[in-house]
């Protein structure tokens, strides 16, 4: 038989549940998104199962479906949500509670066979039907296989999740599967160590990398990282303790004893690797702190655009110039009597045009009233209303360019000129990235103008509370063309949002 047929039936039995997920559901405009929604629900059940969370009843799954649809910015009515929920539990009508079926070709028998499976099943450990309780669901092996197939590509599980999953397997008596899962954990720790060694080497050769690799700067939250490593060490101790207890309970079963010995050896090796990884991370953090202490000038905040860094080093040195015209276009403004290069300061002040007569009258009025001091008060209602459109874009698309202001309705664009602080705040985001932590603080305790803006936005628009804990940063494209907006020539940059790792 051709080698392409080898194991064909097994391959199809692994893939069929993925192919059948959500198939045949009548959910209207949600049909193109149904597999994505159901996969998110399966992941939610999986994590709750790992953490011994029994909120896995049918009503809980319905809430998971509803939350997933909202998170994906989709709309659904009650009937659609009910259909998606029931479509994960069984095929067809509820009273029959039929399992799912799919055809596959068996290359050995040379015939078509029917595969019967479910995505979720009753969790006997948490279900108590005798006491009138409702069914608590857990993932079947089929669904777990789908999740692990996606993990092979996405590498989405952290060390802690792998440990929790191993505990769950040991608790259920799946010692061989727990041993195989530790191979995933060893592989992940090895990859993280390789990345850490590479970062250490780059940091030693070029300390400037600490300015570019924002996510690698961990000196500020060293205590949190050390706490995380300590929790992971505790998990390893818990796993070892579980193995010892299981060995004592099964002293007479030689088969189980052999599996537990293999599992124990694998745990020992994994613990050693994890300890080496933790030591390496802390060593790199210490070296980072030393670099910052001994070379503070390397880490002073710089402006958004630097000719040497953005134009010369990141463009000419890396990519070269295809023609001398490009070189002349960049260097020309530096030596021209008329400087066309627009700095952020030029943008803020704009190209102001005054009527000379009107200016003279204004100066005379100021002279008459110079003894009277008027305190200017910022109208924050206007400021946050203007910025609310920016954060709506950020919430939906993850980024907002200054150039996008020109696409907003004219009445919204006018808001940006009611208060000078509205535009000034753009320059505030030209600082280092900001981790949003304002929700549970008092306004008077905030000193950063960006935090004050976010605090007021969250108070006025509760939907923006989703930004709590996320990171806001700016991106600048040195090739972007300036554009004209209300007689201001502006070089655009983008404000972006990123989840903290």
Protein backbone atom coordinates (compact mmCIF):
# COMPACT_ATOMS: atom_id res chain seq x y z
CA UNK A 1 0.00 0.00 0.00
CA UNK A 2 1.17 3.53 -0.79
CA UNK A 3 2.80 5.14 2.27
CA UNK A 4 0.38 8.10 2.00
CA UNK A 5 -2.37 5.72 3.21
CA UNK A 6 -0.47 4.68 6.34
CA UNK A 7 -2.49 5.69 9.42
CA UNK A 8 -5.05 7.49 7.24
CA UNK A 9 -8.08 6.39 9.32
CA UNK A 10 -6.45 7.65 12.53
CA UNK A 11 -5.65 10.99 10.92
CA UNK A 12 -9.24 11.45 9.79
CA UNK A 13 -10.61 10.50 13.23
CA UNK A 14 -8.46 13.27 14.72
CA UNK A 15 -9.57 15.82 12.13
CA UNK A 16 -13.27 14.95 11.84
CA UNK A 17 -14.29 16.59 15.17
CA UNK A 18 -12.61 19.80 14.02
CA UNK A 19 -14.33 19.62 10.63
CA UNK A 20 -17.72 18.95 12.26
CA UNK A 21 -17.44 21.68 14.91
CA UNK A 22 -20.51 23.90 14.44
CA UNK A 23 -21.38 22.31 11.11
CA UNK A 24 -25.07 22.40 10.18
CA UNK A 25 -26.04 25.01 12.77
CA UNK A 26 -28.59 27.54 11.57
CA UNK A 27 -27.29 30.72 13.23
CA UNK A 28 -27.80 33.26 10.45
CA UNK A 29 -25.04 35.84 10.05
CA UNK A 30 -22.93 34.13 12.75
CA UNK A 31 -22.33 31.07 10.56
CA UNK A 32 -18.86 32.18 9.27
CA UNK A 33 -17.73 32.71 12.89
CA UNK A 34 -19.28 29.65 14.54
CA UNK A 35 -16.09 27.53 14.72
CA UNK A 36 -14.12 30.40 16.27
CA UNK A 37 -16.81 30.97 18.91
CA UNK A 38 -17.05 27.28 19.82
CA UNK A 39 -13.25 26.89 20.00
CA UNK A 40 -13.09 29.78 22.47
CA UNK A 41 -15.84 28.14 24.56
CA UNK A 42 -13.92 24.82 24.60
CA UNK A 43 -10.78 26.66 25.78
CA UNK A 44 -12.76 28.36 28.55
CA UNK A 45 -14.10 24.99 29.75
CA UNK A 46 -10.58 23.56 29.56
CA UNK A 47 -9.06 26.28 31.77
CA UNK A 48 -11.88 26.01 34.30
CA UNK A 49 -11.37 22.26 34.43
CA UNK A 50 -7.65 22.75 35.06
CA UNK A 51 -8.35 25.14 37.92
CA UNK A 52 -11.02 22.91 39.54
CA UNK A 53 -13.70 25.47 38.73
CA UNK A 54 -17.07 23.70 38.59
CA UNK A 55 -18.84 26.54 36.70
CA UNK A 56 -19.25 24.26 33.70
CA UNK A 57 -22.99 23.60 33.62
CA UNK A 58 -25.19 24.23 30.60
CA UNK A 59 -26.12 27.70 31.86
CA UNK A 60 -22.42 28.50 32.39
CA UNK A 61 -21.64 27.35 28.84
CA UNK A 62 -24.40 29.63 27.59
CA UNK A 63 -22.73 32.56 29.37
CA UNK A 64 -19.40 31.54 27.81
CA UNK A 65 -20.99 31.65 24.35
CA UNK A 66 -22.50 35.07 25.07
CA UNK A 67 -19.20 36.48 26.41
CA UNK A 68 -17.24 35.14 23.43
CA UNK A 69 -19.66 36.74 20.96
CA UNK A 70 -19.40 40.11 22.78
CA UNK A 71 -15.60 39.90 22.94
CA UNK A 72 -15.46 39.25 19.18
CA UNK A 73 -17.60 42.36 18.53
CA UNK A 74 -20.45 40.27 17.08
CA UNK A 75 -24.19 40.46 17.66
CA UNK A 76 -26.53 37.58 18.55
CA UNK A 77 -30.05 37.18 19.87
CA UNK A 78 -31.20 34.76 22.58
CA UNK A 79 -32.26 32.11 20.05
CA UNK A 80 -28.84 32.07 18.37
CA UNK A 81 -27.03 31.81 21.72
CA UNK A 82 -29.25 28.89 22.77
CA UNK A 83 -28.64 27.14 19.43
CA UNK A 84 -24.85 27.47 19.71
CA UNK A 85 -24.91 26.21 23.31
CA UNK A 86 -27.01 23.13 22.55
CA UNK A 87 -24.99 22.53 19.36
CA UNK A 88 -21.88 21.97 21.47
CA UNK A 89 -23.58 19.49 23.84
CA UNK A 90 -25.40 17.22 21.40
CA UNK A 91 -26.51 16.77 17.80
CA UNK A 92 -30.13 17.40 16.83
CA UNK A 93 -32.99 17.76 19.30
CA UNK A 94 -32.31 18.11 23.00
CA UNK A 95 -34.63 15.26 24.09
CA UNK A 96 -32.57 12.72 22.11
CA UNK A 97 -29.15 14.03 23.24
CA UNK A 98 -27.50 12.28 20.31
CA UNK A 99 -23.69 12.20 19.94
CA UNK A 100 -22.00 13.57 16.82
CA UNK A 101 -21.22 11.34 13.85
CA UNK A 102 -18.80 11.61 10.94
CA UNK A 103 -17.66 9.27 8.17
CA UNK A 104 -14.04 8.27 7.61
CA UNK A 105 -12.32 5.83 5.28
CA UNK A 106 -10.54 2.86 6.90
CA UNK A 107 -7.57 1.98 4.71
CA UNK A 108 -7.14 -1.44 6.39
CA UNK A 109 -10.72 -2.64 5.93
CA UNK A 110 -11.06 -0.59 2.74
CA UNK A 111 -14.51 0.56 3.78
CA UNK A 112 -16.30 3.64 5.05
CA UNK A 113 -16.84 3.66 8.84
CA UNK A 114 -18.80 5.93 11.17
CA UNK A 115 -17.01 7.77 13.95
CA UNK A 116 -19.14 8.62 17.02
CA UNK A 117 -17.90 11.29 19.44
CA UNK A 118 -18.83 14.14 21.79
CA UNK A 119 -17.13 17.43 22.56
CA UNK A 120 -18.14 17.51 26.24
CA UNK A 121 -19.25 14.86 28.69
CA UNK A 122 -20.39 14.64 32.30
CA UNK A 123 -17.75 15.27 34.95
CA UNK A 124 -18.59 12.62 37.56
CA UNK A 125 -16.33 14.25 40.14
CA UNK A 126 -18.48 17.40 40.33
CA UNK A 127 -21.91 16.18 39.18
CA UNK A 128 -24.37 15.14 41.89
CA UNK A 129 -27.62 14.16 40.19
CA UNK A 130 -28.83 12.24 43.26
CA UNK A 131 -29.03 15.51 45.19
CA UNK A 132 -30.92 17.23 42.38
CA UNK A 133 -27.86 18.98 40.96
CA UNK A 134 -27.37 19.71 37.25
CA UNK A 135 -24.71 18.16 35.03
CA UNK A 136 -21.20 19.64 35.22
CA UNK A 137 -19.43 19.16 31.90
CA UNK A 138 -15.79 18.49 31.06
CA UNK A 139 -13.96 18.10 27.76
CA UNK A 140 -13.75 14.69 26.14
CA UNK A 141 -10.45 13.31 24.86
CA UNK A 142 -11.57 14.41 21.39
CA UNK A 143 -11.84 18.07 22.45
CA UNK A 144 -8.57 17.94 24.38
CA UNK A 145 -6.90 16.57 21.26
CA UNK A 146 -8.22 19.55 19.27
CA UNK A 147 -6.81 21.97 21.84
CA UNK A 148 -3.42 20.27 21.86
CA UNK A 149 -3.33 20.29 18.07
CA UNK A 150 -3.80 24.06 18.18
CA UNK A 151 -1.20 24.33 20.92
CA UNK A 152 1.43 22.66 18.75
CA UNK A 153 1.07 25.63 16.40
CA UNK A 154 0.33 28.44 18.85
CA UNK A 155 2.48 27.46 21.88
CA UNK A 156 -0.15 29.22 23.94
CA UNK A 157 0.17 27.46 27.31
CA UNK A 158 2.37 28.88 30.05
CA UNK A 159 4.53 26.86 32.43
CA UNK A 160 1.88 27.20 35.14
CA UNK A 161 -0.91 25.87 32.90
CA UNK A 162 1.23 22.88 31.89
CA UNK A 163 1.85 22.14 35.58
CA UNK A 164 -1.86 22.39 36.43
CA UNK A 165 -2.70 20.08 33.56
CA UNK A 166 -0.13 17.52 34.78
CA UNK A 167 -1.70 17.66 38.25
CA UNK A 168 -5.12 17.01 36.73
CA UNK A 169 -3.80 14.01 34.80
CA UNK A 170 -2.13 12.54 37.90
CA UNK A 171 -5.30 13.10 39.92
CA UNK A 172 -7.29 11.16 37.28
CA UNK A 173 -4.72 8.36 37.14
CA UNK A 174 -3.42 9.16 33.63
CA UNK A 175 0.26 8.72 34.58
CA UNK A 176 1.52 7.92 31.11
CA UNK A 177 -0.24 10.96 29.64
CA UNK A 178 1.16 13.10 32.47
CA UNK A 179 4.67 11.91 31.56
CA UNK A 180 4.09 12.83 27.90
CA UNK A 181 2.76 16.23 28.93
CA UNK A 182 5.98 16.91 30.84
CA UNK A 183 7.76 16.57 27.49
CA UNK A 184 5.74 19.58 26.31
CA UNK A 185 6.79 21.47 29.43
CA UNK A 186 10.47 20.55 28.97
CA UNK A 187 10.28 21.68 25.35
CA UNK A 188 8.72 25.00 26.37
CA UNK A 189 11.31 25.67 29.10
CA UNK A 190 14.11 24.86 26.64
CA UNK A 191 12.71 27.34 24.10
CA UNK A 192 12.38 30.04 26.76
CA UNK A 193 15.94 29.42 27.93
CA UNK A 194 17.27 29.67 24.37
CA UNK A 195 15.44 32.99 23.96
CA UNK A 196 16.83 34.22 27.30
CA UNK A 197 20.42 33.27 26.34
CA UNK A 198 20.02 35.09 23.03
CA UNK A 199 18.71 38.20 24.80
CA UNK A 200 21.60 38.08 27.29
CA UNK A 201 24.12 37.96 24.47
CA UNK A 202 22.51 40.88 22.62
CA UNK A 203 22.23 42.89 25.84
CA UNK A 204 25.96 42.48 26.52
CA UNK A 205 26.97 43.33 22.95
CA UNK A 206 24.50 46.17 22.51
CA UNK A 207 22.88 47.63 25.68
CA UNK A 208 20.79 49.86 23.43
CA UNK A 209 18.55 46.84 22.78
CA UNK A 210 16.90 47.59 26.14
CA UNK A 211 15.36 50.67 24.55
CA UNK A 212 13.91 48.70 21.65
CA UNK A 213 12.83 45.51 23.44
CA UNK A 214 10.29 47.03 25.80
CA UNK A 215 8.71 43.69 26.66
CA UNK A 216 12.09 42.35 27.86
CA UNK A 217 12.56 45.11 30.45
CA UNK A 218 11.60 43.40 33.67
CA UNK A 219 13.66 45.23 36.28
CA UNK A 220 10.65 47.25 37.45
CA UNK A 221 8.58 44.17 38.30
CA UNK A 222 11.34 41.85 39.51
CA UNK A 223 9.40 41.02 42.70
CA UNK A 224 6.43 39.81 40.63
CA UNK A 225 8.65 37.60 38.47
CA UNK A 226 10.38 36.07 41.49
CA UNK A 227 6.95 35.42 43.03
CA UNK A 228 5.82 33.69 39.82
CA UNK A 229 8.91 31.45 39.83
CA UNK A 230 8.29 30.60 43.49
CA UNK A 231 4.68 29.60 42.69
CA UNK A 232 5.92 27.35 39.89
CA UNK A 233 8.42 25.72 42.29
CA UNK A 234 5.54 25.10 44.69
CA UNK A 235 3.62 23.42 41.86
CA UNK A 236 6.55 21.08 41.26
CA UNK A 237 6.64 20.23 44.97
CA UNK A 238 2.89 19.53 44.87
CA UNK A 239 3.30 17.22 41.86
CA UNK A 240 6.11 15.33 43.61
CA UNK A 241 3.97 14.99 46.73
CA UNK A 242 1.04 13.66 44.66
CA UNK A 243 3.32 11.04 43.07
CA UNK A 244 4.61 9.88 46.47
CA UNK A 245 1.08 9.51 47.84
CA UNK A 246 -0.04 7.61 44.75
CA UNK A 247 2.97 5.25 45.05
CA UNK A 248 2.04 4.45 48.64
CA UNK A 249 -1.59 3.77 47.66
CA UNK A 250 -0.55 1.39 44.86
CA UNK A 251 2.41 -0.43 46.43
CA UNK A 252 1.27 -3.84 45.15
CA UNK A 253 0.67 -2.79 41.54
CA UNK A 254 4.01 -3.17 39.73
CA UNK A 255 2.71 -1.64 36.49
CA UNK A 256 1.59 1.58 38.19
CA UNK A 257 4.83 1.70 40.19
CA UNK A 258 6.90 1.59 36.99
CA UNK A 259 4.87 4.40 35.41
CA UNK A 260 5.18 6.51 38.57
CA UNK A 261 8.97 6.00 38.68
CA UNK A 262 9.24 7.23 35.07
CA UNK A 263 7.00 10.18 35.92
CA UNK A 264 9.11 10.97 39.01
CA UNK A 265 12.33 10.96 36.97
CA UNK A 266 10.76 13.25 34.39
CA UNK A 267 9.62 15.64 37.13
CA UNK A 268 13.15 15.75 38.57
CA UNK A 269 14.62 16.65 35.19
CA UNK A 270 11.93 19.28 34.54
CA UNK A 271 12.51 20.88 37.96
CA UNK A 272 16.23 21.20 37.30
CA UNK A 273 15.59 22.84 33.91
CA UNK A 274 13.05 25.22 35.46
CA UNK A 275 15.48 26.23 38.23
CA UNK A 276 18.19 26.95 35.64
CA UNK A 277 15.73 29.03 33.63
CA UNK A 278 14.64 31.02 36.71
CA UNK A 279 18.28 31.66 37.65
CA UNK A 280 19.04 32.87 34.11
CA UNK A 281 16.07 35.29 34.06
CA UNK A 282 17.00 36.80 37.44
CA UNK A 283 20.63 37.05 36.31
CA UNK A 284 19.56 38.98 33.19
CA UNK A 285 17.36 41.30 35.28
CA UNK A 286 20.30 42.02 37.59
CA UNK A 287 22.51 42.75 34.61
CA UNK A 288 19.87 45.06 33.15
CA UNK A 289 19.67 47.00 36.45
CA UNK A 290 23.48 47.24 36.52
CA UNK A 291 23.56 48.62 32.97
CA UNK A 292 20.99 51.26 33.82
CA UNK A 293 22.84 52.27 36.98
CA UNK A 294 26.27 52.53 35.30
CA UNK A 295 25.12 54.02 31.97
CA UNK A 296 22.14 56.27 32.68
CA UNK A 297 22.68 58.32 29.50
CA UNK A 298 21.77 55.25 27.43
CA UNK A 299 18.29 55.20 28.89
CA UNK A 300 17.28 58.86 28.90
CA UNK A 301 13.99 59.36 27.15
CA UNK A 302 14.48 60.47 23.58
CA UNK A 303 12.13 62.20 21.21
CA UNK A 304 9.97 60.15 18.89
CA UNK A 305 12.10 60.81 15.79
CA UNK A 306 15.90 60.71 15.69
CA UNK A 307 17.72 61.31 12.40
CA UNK A 308 20.63 59.07 13.34
CA UNK A 309 18.51 56.19 14.66
CA UNK A 310 15.40 56.22 12.46
CA UNK A 311 16.83 57.52 9.17
CA UNK A 312 20.53 56.64 9.12
CA UNK A 313 20.82 53.47 11.24
CA UNK A 314 17.39 51.88 10.73
CA UNK A 315 16.99 52.82 7.08
CA UNK A 316 20.18 53.74 5.17
CA UNK A 317 22.51 51.39 7.04
CA UNK A 318 20.11 48.43 6.81
CA UNK A 319 18.43 48.90 3.43
CA UNK A 320 20.62 51.33 1.53
CA UNK A 321 19.33 53.85 -1.00
CA UNK A 322 18.10 52.79 -4.44
CA UNK A 323 19.03 56.15 -5.97
CA UNK A 324 20.81 59.38 -5.05
CA UNK A 325 17.48 61.24 -5.35
CA UNK A 326 16.34 59.56 -2.12
CA UNK A 327 19.52 60.68 -0.33
CA UNK A 328 19.05 64.24 -1.60
CA UNK A 329 15.39 64.25 -0.50
CA UNK A 330 16.39 63.34 3.06
CA UNK A 331 19.51 65.52 3.39
CA UNK A 332 18.24 68.50 1.39
CA UNK A 333 16.01 69.99 4.11
CA UNK A 334 18.89 69.86 6.64
CA UNK A 335 20.96 72.30 4.53
CA UNK A 336 18.19 74.25 2.80
CA UNK A 337 17.44 77.85 3.92
CA UNK A 338 13.80 76.78 4.07
CA UNK A 339 13.53 73.88 6.49
CA UNK A 340 10.72 71.54 5.41
CA UNK A 341 11.40 69.01 8.18
CA UNK A 342 8.44 69.12 10.58
CA UNK A 343 9.25 68.49 14.22
CA UNK A 344 6.51 67.64 16.75
CA UNK A 345 6.91 71.13 18.25
CA UNK A 346 6.09 72.70 14.88
CA UNK A 347 2.98 70.55 14.71
CA UNK A 348 1.74 71.66 18.15
CA UNK A 349 2.14 75.35 17.45
CA UNK A 350 0.99 74.99 13.87
CA UNK A 351 1.28 77.68 11.23
CA UNK A 352 -0.46 80.54 12.99
CA UNK A 353 -1.85 83.39 10.88
CA UNK A 354 -3.00 86.58 12.66
CA UNK A 355 -4.83 89.64 11.45
CA UNK A 356 -2.49 92.52 12.34
CA UNK A 357 -5.30 94.96 13.23
CA UNK A 358 -7.09 92.39 15.37
CA UNK A 359 -3.82 91.55 17.14
CA UNK A 360 -3.22 95.24 17.94
CA UNK A 361 -6.73 95.63 19.41
CA UNK A 362 -6.23 92.51 21.51
CA UNK A 363 -2.91 93.82 22.85
CA UNK A 364 -4.56 97.15 23.81
CA UNK A 365 -7.31 95.32 25.69
CA UNK A 366 -4.72 93.24 27.53
CA UNK A 367 -2.82 96.38 28.49
CA UNK A 368 -5.96 97.89 30.01
CA UNK A 369 -6.76 94.75 32.00
CA UNK A 370 -3.20 93.74 32.86
CA UNK A 371 -3.85 94.17 36.57
CA UNK A 372 -6.61 91.51 36.45
CA UNK A 373 -5.46 87.88 36.50
CA UNK A 374 -7.75 85.26 35.02
CA UNK A 375 -7.13 81.62 35.88
CA UNK A 376 -7.76 79.36 32.91
CA UNK A 377 -9.69 76.16 33.69
CA UNK A 378 -9.56 73.14 31.36
CA UNK A 379 -12.92 71.88 30.20
CA UNK A 380 -12.24 68.17 30.61
CA UNK A 381 -15.70 67.27 29.28
CA UNK A 382 -14.61 68.52 25.88
CA UNK A 383 -11.20 66.81 26.11
CA UNK A 384 -12.53 63.35 27.00
CA UNK A 385 -15.34 63.60 24.45
CA UNK A 386 -12.76 64.20 21.69
CA UNK A 387 -10.49 61.41 22.92
CA UNK A 388 -13.37 58.95 23.33
CA UNK A 389 -13.39 58.47 19.53
CA UNK A 390 -9.68 57.57 19.60
CA UNK A 391 -10.19 54.93 22.29
CA UNK A 392 -13.21 53.51 20.47
CA UNK A 393 -10.87 52.87 17.52
CA UNK A 394 -8.20 51.42 19.85
CA UNK A 395 -10.76 49.10 21.43
CA UNK A 396 -11.87 47.83 18.02
CA UNK A 397 -8.70 47.83 15.90
CA UNK A 398 -5.84 47.96 18.44
CA UNK A 399 -4.30 51.11 16.94
CA UNK A 400 -5.18 54.68 15.90
CA UNK A 401 -3.14 56.91 13.60
CA UNK A 402 -3.07 60.66 13.86
CA UNK A 403 -3.94 60.70 10.17
CA UNK A 404 -7.28 59.03 11.01
CA UNK A 405 -8.45 62.25 12.69
CA UNK A 406 -9.15 63.66 9.24
CA UNK A 407 -11.65 60.85 8.57
CA UNK A 408 -13.82 61.66 11.59
CA UNK A 409 -17.04 63.72 11.18
CA UNK A 410 -16.42 67.47 11.04
CA UNK A 411 -18.20 68.13 14.35
CA UNK A 412 -15.88 65.62 16.03
CA UNK A 413 -12.79 67.21 14.43
CA UNK A 414 -13.92 70.58 15.82
CA UNK A 415 -13.76 69.15 19.34
CA UNK A 416 -9.98 68.90 19.02
CA UNK A 417 -9.65 72.68 18.89
CA UNK A 418 -11.92 73.61 21.79
CA UNK A 419 -9.20 72.96 24.38
CA UNK A 420 -5.45 73.18 23.75
CA UNK A 421 -4.88 70.24 26.11
CA UNK A 422 -6.77 67.95 23.71
CA UNK A 423 -4.02 68.18 21.10
CA UNK A 424 -1.19 68.57 23.64
CA UNK A 425 -2.02 65.13 25.01
CA UNK A 426 -0.86 63.58 21.73
CA UNK A 427 2.69 64.59 22.63
CA UNK A 428 2.31 62.98 26.04
CA UNK A 429 1.99 59.60 24.33
CA UNK A 430 5.42 60.24 22.78
CA UNK A 431 6.88 59.18 26.14
CA UNK A 432 7.80 55.65 27.10
CA UNK A 433 4.97 53.07 26.85
CA UNK A 434 2.27 53.35 29.51
CA UNK A 435 0.84 50.39 31.41
CA UNK A 436 -2.70 51.43 32.30
CA UNK A 437 -3.28 51.17 36.07
CA UNK A 438 -5.80 53.85 37.02
CA UNK A 439 -9.10 52.08 37.71
CA UNK A 440 -8.64 51.62 41.45
CA UNK A 441 -6.66 54.79 42.17
CA UNK A 442 -7.74 58.28 43.15
CA UNK A 443 -7.45 61.11 40.65
CA UNK A 444 -5.33 63.24 42.96
CA UNK A 445 -2.75 60.42 43.12
CA UNK A 446 -2.20 60.55 39.34
CA UNK A 447 0.66 62.67 38.03
CA UNK A 448 0.94 61.49 34.43
CA UNK A 449 -1.38 63.47 32.11
CA UNK A 450 -2.12 60.28 30.17
CA UNK A 451 -3.30 58.55 33.33
CA UNK A 452 -5.54 61.50 34.20
CA UNK A 453 -7.09 61.31 30.72
CA UNK A 454 -7.67 57.56 31.05
CA UNK A 455 -9.11 57.94 34.54
CA UNK A 456 -11.65 60.52 33.36
CA UNK A 457 -12.47 58.47 30.25
CA UNK A 458 -13.21 55.38 32.37
CA UNK A 459 -15.38 57.40 34.73
CA UNK A 460 -17.41 58.83 31.85
CA UNK A 461 -17.35 55.77 29.55
CA UNK A 462 -17.22 52.51 31.59
CA UNK A 463 -16.60 50.44 28.42
CA UNK A 464 -13.04 51.81 28.37
CA UNK A 465 -12.27 49.97 31.62
CA UNK A 466 -11.13 47.09 29.38
CA UNK A 467 -7.87 49.06 28.88
CA UNK A 468 -6.94 48.50 32.55
CA UNK A 469 -3.75 46.44 32.66
CA UNK A 470 -2.96 46.88 28.94
CA UNK A 471 0.04 48.71 27.48
CA UNK A 472 -0.23 51.83 25.29
CA UNK A 473 2.73 52.71 23.07
CA UNK A 474 3.49 54.69 19.91
CA UNK A 475 4.81 53.66 16.51
CA UNK A 476 6.35 56.00 13.95
CA UNK A 477 6.87 55.27 10.26
CA UNK A 478 9.83 57.37 9.08
CA UNK A 479 8.57 57.06 5.50
CA UNK A 480 5.08 58.41 6.20
CA UNK A 481 4.23 61.57 4.28
CA UNK A 482 3.12 64.62 6.33
CA UNK A 483 -0.47 65.71 5.79
CA UNK A 484 -2.27 69.03 6.15
CA UNK A 485 -5.00 69.33 8.76
CA UNK A 486 -6.63 72.70 9.56
CA UNK A 487 -3.56 74.61 8.28
CA UNK A 488 -1.24 72.39 10.33
CA UNK A 489 1.35 70.25 8.58
CA UNK A 490 1.56 67.05 10.62
CA UNK A 491 3.84 64.02 10.58
CA UNK A 492 1.59 61.15 11.70
CA UNK A 493 2.33 58.47 14.25
CA UNK A 494 0.16 55.73 15.73
CA UNK A 495 -1.01 54.98 19.26
CA UNK A 496 -1.22 51.21 19.73
CA UNK A 497 -2.52 48.92 22.47
CA UNK A 498 -0.96 45.64 23.54
CA UNK A 499 -1.84 43.06 26.18
CA UNK A 500 0.82 42.62 28.85
CA UNK A 501 2.66 39.31 28.59
